N, C-alpha and C. Protein backbone atom coordinates (compact mmCIF):
# COMPACT_ATOMS: atom_id res chain seq x y z
N MET A 1 91.50 111.68 89.11
CA MET A 1 90.17 111.24 88.67
C MET A 1 90.08 110.50 87.36
N LYS A 2 90.89 111.13 86.41
CA LYS A 2 90.98 110.51 85.13
C LYS A 2 91.49 109.09 85.16
N ILE A 3 92.47 108.88 86.03
CA ILE A 3 93.10 107.56 86.23
C ILE A 3 92.16 106.58 86.70
N VAL A 4 91.33 106.91 87.69
CA VAL A 4 90.32 106.01 88.28
C VAL A 4 89.30 105.62 87.24
N ILE A 5 88.83 106.59 86.50
CA ILE A 5 87.84 106.26 85.46
C ILE A 5 88.39 105.36 84.37
N SER A 6 89.67 105.61 83.98
CA SER A 6 90.22 104.73 82.96
C SER A 6 90.42 103.33 83.39
N ILE A 7 90.80 103.23 84.75
CA ILE A 7 90.96 101.86 85.30
C ILE A 7 89.65 101.10 85.27
N ILE A 8 88.59 101.81 85.77
CA ILE A 8 87.27 101.15 85.79
C ILE A 8 86.79 100.78 84.37
N LEU A 9 86.96 101.67 83.44
CA LEU A 9 86.57 101.38 82.03
C LEU A 9 87.33 100.13 81.47
N TRP A 10 88.67 100.14 81.71
CA TRP A 10 89.50 99.04 81.27
C TRP A 10 89.02 97.68 81.90
N LEU A 11 88.67 97.66 83.14
CA LEU A 11 88.20 96.47 83.81
C LEU A 11 86.88 95.99 83.22
N VAL A 12 85.90 96.91 83.02
CA VAL A 12 84.62 96.58 82.42
C VAL A 12 84.79 96.03 81.01
N LEU A 13 85.56 96.71 80.18
CA LEU A 13 85.80 96.24 78.81
C LEU A 13 86.53 94.93 78.82
N SER A 14 87.52 94.65 79.67
CA SER A 14 88.16 93.44 79.72
C SER A 14 87.16 92.31 80.08
N PHE A 15 86.34 92.56 81.05
CA PHE A 15 85.38 91.54 81.46
C PHE A 15 84.44 91.22 80.33
N LEU A 16 83.90 92.20 79.64
CA LEU A 16 83.01 91.97 78.45
C LEU A 16 83.66 91.17 77.37
N ILE A 17 84.97 91.51 77.04
CA ILE A 17 85.67 90.79 75.98
C ILE A 17 85.92 89.35 76.40
N TYR A 18 86.37 89.13 77.65
CA TYR A 18 86.60 87.77 78.11
C TYR A 18 85.33 86.93 78.09
N TYR A 19 84.20 87.53 78.53
CA TYR A 19 82.96 86.80 78.52
C TYR A 19 82.53 86.43 77.09
N PHE A 20 82.77 87.35 76.18
CA PHE A 20 82.41 87.07 74.71
C PHE A 20 83.26 85.95 74.27
N ILE A 21 84.55 85.97 74.54
CA ILE A 21 85.47 84.94 74.01
C ILE A 21 85.08 83.58 74.57
N PHE A 22 84.90 83.52 75.92
CA PHE A 22 84.63 82.20 76.55
C PHE A 22 83.26 81.66 76.12
N SER A 23 82.27 82.44 75.74
CA SER A 23 80.98 81.99 75.38
C SER A 23 81.00 81.48 73.87
N ASN A 24 81.97 81.96 73.07
CA ASN A 24 81.95 81.65 71.69
C ASN A 24 83.05 80.69 71.20
N PHE A 25 84.03 80.42 72.02
CA PHE A 25 85.09 79.48 71.54
C PHE A 25 85.23 78.32 72.54
N ASP A 26 85.94 77.30 72.11
CA ASP A 26 86.21 76.19 72.99
C ASP A 26 87.27 76.58 74.11
N GLU A 27 87.20 75.92 75.21
CA GLU A 27 87.99 76.34 76.36
C GLU A 27 89.47 76.51 76.21
N GLN A 28 90.09 75.50 75.50
CA GLN A 28 91.49 75.66 75.32
C GLN A 28 91.87 76.83 74.43
N PHE A 29 91.25 77.03 73.35
CA PHE A 29 91.53 78.13 72.39
C PHE A 29 91.24 79.45 73.20
N ALA A 30 90.16 79.51 73.91
CA ALA A 30 89.79 80.72 74.71
C ALA A 30 90.88 81.09 75.72
N ASN A 31 91.47 80.07 76.37
CA ASN A 31 92.56 80.34 77.29
C ASN A 31 93.74 80.99 76.65
N ILE A 32 94.11 80.37 75.47
CA ILE A 32 95.23 81.05 74.77
C ILE A 32 94.93 82.46 74.30
N LEU A 33 93.72 82.62 73.78
CA LEU A 33 93.32 83.97 73.28
C LEU A 33 93.32 85.00 74.44
N VAL A 34 92.76 84.53 75.55
CA VAL A 34 92.67 85.44 76.70
C VAL A 34 94.06 85.80 77.23
N SER A 35 94.94 84.82 77.28
CA SER A 35 96.33 85.17 77.79
C SER A 35 97.04 86.18 76.86
N VAL A 36 96.85 85.97 75.57
CA VAL A 36 97.45 86.91 74.65
C VAL A 36 96.84 88.32 74.79
N LEU A 37 95.46 88.28 74.91
CA LEU A 37 94.82 89.67 75.06
C LEU A 37 95.23 90.34 76.38
N VAL A 38 95.36 89.57 77.48
CA VAL A 38 95.84 90.09 78.79
C VAL A 38 97.14 90.74 78.61
N ALA A 39 98.14 90.05 77.94
CA ALA A 39 99.39 90.54 77.76
C ALA A 39 99.42 91.89 76.99
N ILE A 40 98.68 91.89 75.80
CA ILE A 40 98.65 93.12 75.01
C ILE A 40 97.94 94.22 75.71
N SER A 41 96.82 94.00 76.33
CA SER A 41 96.03 95.08 76.99
C SER A 41 96.78 95.61 78.21
N SER A 42 97.48 94.76 78.95
CA SER A 42 98.25 95.23 80.05
C SER A 42 99.35 96.12 79.62
N LEU A 43 100.02 95.77 78.51
CA LEU A 43 101.05 96.57 77.90
C LEU A 43 100.55 97.92 77.55
N LEU A 44 99.45 97.95 76.77
CA LEU A 44 98.84 99.19 76.29
C LEU A 44 98.39 100.07 77.47
N PHE A 45 97.72 99.43 78.43
CA PHE A 45 97.23 100.16 79.59
C PHE A 45 98.30 100.74 80.43
N GLY A 46 99.35 99.95 80.52
CA GLY A 46 100.58 100.41 81.32
C GLY A 46 101.18 101.66 80.69
N THR A 47 101.30 101.60 79.40
CA THR A 47 101.78 102.70 78.64
C THR A 47 100.86 103.98 78.88
N TYR A 48 99.61 103.78 78.76
CA TYR A 48 98.65 104.84 78.89
C TYR A 48 98.66 105.44 80.35
N LEU A 49 98.74 104.55 81.29
CA LEU A 49 98.83 105.06 82.71
C LEU A 49 100.16 105.84 82.90
N GLY A 50 101.23 105.37 82.27
CA GLY A 50 102.51 106.07 82.39
C GLY A 50 102.38 107.46 81.86
N LYS A 51 101.71 107.62 80.75
CA LYS A 51 101.52 108.89 80.19
C LYS A 51 100.68 109.83 81.05
N LEU A 52 99.64 109.20 81.69
CA LEU A 52 98.82 110.02 82.58
C LEU A 52 99.62 110.51 83.82
N PHE A 53 100.46 109.62 84.29
CA PHE A 53 101.29 109.99 85.47
C PHE A 53 102.27 111.14 85.12
N LYS A 54 102.78 111.00 83.90
CA LYS A 54 103.80 111.98 83.45
C LYS A 54 103.19 113.38 83.30
N GLU A 55 101.90 113.43 82.93
CA GLU A 55 101.19 114.69 82.77
C GLU A 55 101.02 115.42 84.07
N LYS A 56 100.94 114.75 85.19
CA LYS A 56 100.73 115.32 86.49
C LYS A 56 101.91 116.16 86.96
């Protein structure tokens, strides 16, 4: 259950951040920023999920 909630929270937060970035910056800069953020957040989220699975 903890894993499902964390995935949903991550998706919602990601969507809000991307929406904020695209509404405030020009498109080319926003694309670069989003791809960097996707890489970082995926890495962090993957690490977090790995820890959750290890606990089980």
